[in-house]
Amino acid sequence: MSVHENKKLVRNFWEQVFNHGNMAPIDQLIGPDYTYNGQPGTASGTKAWAEALRKQLPDMHFTIEDLIGEEDKVAIRWTLVGTDSTSGQRVTSSATNIITLRHGRAISNWQNGGTSFQPVSSQAA
């Protein structure tokens, strides 16, 4: 697949799964040999994680800050904002993922950041 097609797949995945709660792209994008930060991963595990995140932050919205592709890799830098369902507090997080694709399927995802939430300042809200 072309770099443009790979970038389109990754953008669609983020928009559909995280911003719209449509889990179907997970089965379409996650390949059978997928790894996350070097550890084996599965579509079902990714789906369970995404559903748990949506339950924790029901109004979450991911903004794609950068989307860069080269050969079989796509780098995405994103910012997340949402309301924590337990505390009612607006929170944010950001990270960068580098996804390697083969034949339209993700085979690897390396994520840096995005594992904790910070309160959204009143100026940023």
Protein backbone atom coordinates (compact mmCIF):
# COMPACT_ATOMS: atom_id res chain seq x y z
CA MET A 1 0.00 0.00 0.00
CA SER A 2 1.10 3.57 -0.55
CA VAL A 3 2.14 5.94 2.23
CA HIS A 4 -1.03 7.94 1.55
CA GLU A 5 -3.21 4.83 1.95
CA ASN A 6 -1.44 3.87 5.19
CA LYS A 7 -1.95 7.36 6.61
CA LYS A 8 -5.62 7.22 5.64
CA LEU A 9 -6.02 3.86 7.45
CA VAL A 10 -4.44 5.20 10.65
CA ARG A 11 -6.47 8.45 10.58
CA ASN A 12 -9.69 6.50 10.01
CA PHE A 13 -8.81 4.13 12.88
CA TRP A 14 -8.30 7.00 15.35
CA GLU A 15 -11.40 8.88 14.21
CA GLN A 16 -13.74 5.88 14.16
CA VAL A 17 -12.53 3.94 17.21
CA PHE A 18 -11.68 6.76 19.58
CA ASN A 19 -13.89 9.66 18.50
CA HIS A 20 -16.98 7.74 17.36
CA GLY A 21 -16.83 4.53 19.39
CA ASN A 22 -16.98 2.36 16.25
CA MET A 23 -14.89 -0.71 17.09
CA ALA A 24 -15.10 -2.33 13.61
CA PRO A 25 -11.84 -0.80 12.33
CA ILE A 26 -9.95 -2.65 15.08
CA ASP A 27 -10.66 -6.01 13.42
CA GLN A 28 -9.81 -4.51 10.03
CA LEU A 29 -6.49 -2.93 11.02
CA ILE A 30 -4.91 -5.13 13.72
CA GLY A 31 -2.95 -7.91 12.05
CA PRO A 32 -2.53 -11.45 13.44
CA ASP A 33 1.14 -10.83 14.34
CA TYR A 34 0.48 -7.42 15.94
CA THR A 35 2.69 -6.17 18.77
CA TYR A 36 2.24 -3.19 21.10
CA ASN A 37 5.47 -1.78 22.54
CA GLY A 38 7.16 -5.05 21.64
CA GLN A 39 4.62 -7.31 23.35
CA PRO A 40 2.12 -9.57 21.54
CA GLY A 41 -1.27 -7.94 21.07
CA THR A 42 -4.62 -8.89 19.58
CA ALA A 43 -7.61 -7.18 18.04
CA SER A 44 -9.80 -8.41 20.92
CA GLY A 45 -7.37 -7.03 23.51
CA THR A 46 -7.24 -3.69 21.70
CA LYS A 47 -11.03 -3.61 21.54
CA ALA A 48 -11.37 -4.33 25.28
CA TRP A 49 -8.87 -1.56 26.06
CA ALA A 50 -10.64 0.96 23.77
CA GLU A 51 -14.05 0.12 25.28
CA ALA A 52 -12.67 0.54 28.82
CA LEU A 53 -11.15 3.91 27.88
CA ARG A 54 -14.48 5.03 26.40
CA LYS A 55 -16.27 3.97 29.61
CA GLN A 56 -13.77 5.97 31.68
CA LEU A 57 -13.95 9.01 29.36
CA PRO A 58 -17.36 8.80 27.62
CA ASP A 59 -17.00 12.20 25.90
CA MET A 60 -13.35 11.73 24.92
CA HIS A 61 -12.05 13.35 21.78
CA PHE A 62 -8.69 12.73 20.15
CA THR A 63 -7.19 15.54 18.10
CA ILE A 64 -4.60 14.41 15.58
CA GLU A 65 -1.81 16.97 15.86
CA ASP A 66 0.54 15.38 13.31
CA LEU A 67 0.29 12.43 10.93
CA ILE A 68 3.51 11.56 9.11
CA GLY A 69 4.15 8.59 6.85
CA GLU A 70 7.26 7.06 5.38
CA GLU A 71 7.49 3.69 3.64
CA ASP A 72 5.54 1.23 5.83
CA LYS A 73 5.38 3.43 8.96
CA VAL A 74 2.92 6.07 10.11
CA ALA A 75 3.65 8.35 13.06
CA ILE A 76 0.68 9.98 14.76
CA ARG A 77 0.92 12.62 17.48
CA TRP A 78 -2.35 13.11 19.31
CA THR A 79 -3.98 14.94 22.20
CA LEU A 80 -6.92 13.51 24.12
CA VAL A 81 -9.43 15.50 26.17
CA GLY A 82 -12.36 14.00 28.07
CA THR A 83 -14.35 13.98 31.29
CA ASP A 84 -13.44 11.27 33.82
CA SER A 85 -16.66 9.37 34.59
CA THR A 86 -15.61 8.77 38.20
CA SER A 87 -14.43 12.24 39.25
CA GLY A 88 -16.25 14.43 36.72
CA GLN A 89 -12.93 16.20 36.08
CA ARG A 90 -11.84 17.24 32.57
CA VAL A 91 -8.52 15.57 31.78
CA THR A 92 -6.02 15.49 28.97
CA SER A 93 -3.19 13.30 27.73
CA SER A 94 -0.96 13.22 24.67
CA ALA A 95 1.34 10.77 22.97
CA THR A 96 3.02 9.72 19.78
CA ASN A 97 2.50 6.31 18.17
CA ILE A 98 4.60 4.82 15.40
CA ILE A 99 2.65 2.15 13.57
CA THR A 100 4.18 -0.27 11.07
CA LEU A 101 1.78 -1.64 8.46
CA ARG A 102 2.03 -4.59 6.11
CA HIS A 103 -0.62 -5.13 3.40
CA GLY A 104 -3.00 -2.70 5.13
CA ARG A 105 -2.70 -4.30 8.59
CA ALA A 106 -0.87 -2.99 11.65
CA ILE A 107 1.91 -5.34 12.71
CA SER A 108 3.51 -3.08 15.32
CA ASN A 109 2.61 -0.05 17.41
CA TRP A 110 5.16 1.76 19.56
CA GLN A 111 3.64 4.38 21.84
CA ASN A 112 5.51 7.05 23.79
CA GLY A 113 3.40 8.86 26.41
CA GLY A 114 -0.36 8.94 26.83
CA THR A 115 -0.47 6.59 29.81
CA SER A 116 -1.60 9.11 32.42
CA PHE A 117 -4.09 11.96 32.58
CA GLN A 118 -3.57 15.53 33.75
CA PRO A 119 -6.34 17.94 34.73
CA VAL A 120 -7.35 20.36 31.99
CA SER A 121 -6.56 23.89 33.15
CA SER A 122 -9.47 26.31 33.19
CA GLN A 123 -7.66 28.40 30.55
CA ALA A 124 -7.42 25.41 28.15
CA ALA A 125 -11.04 24.24 28.65
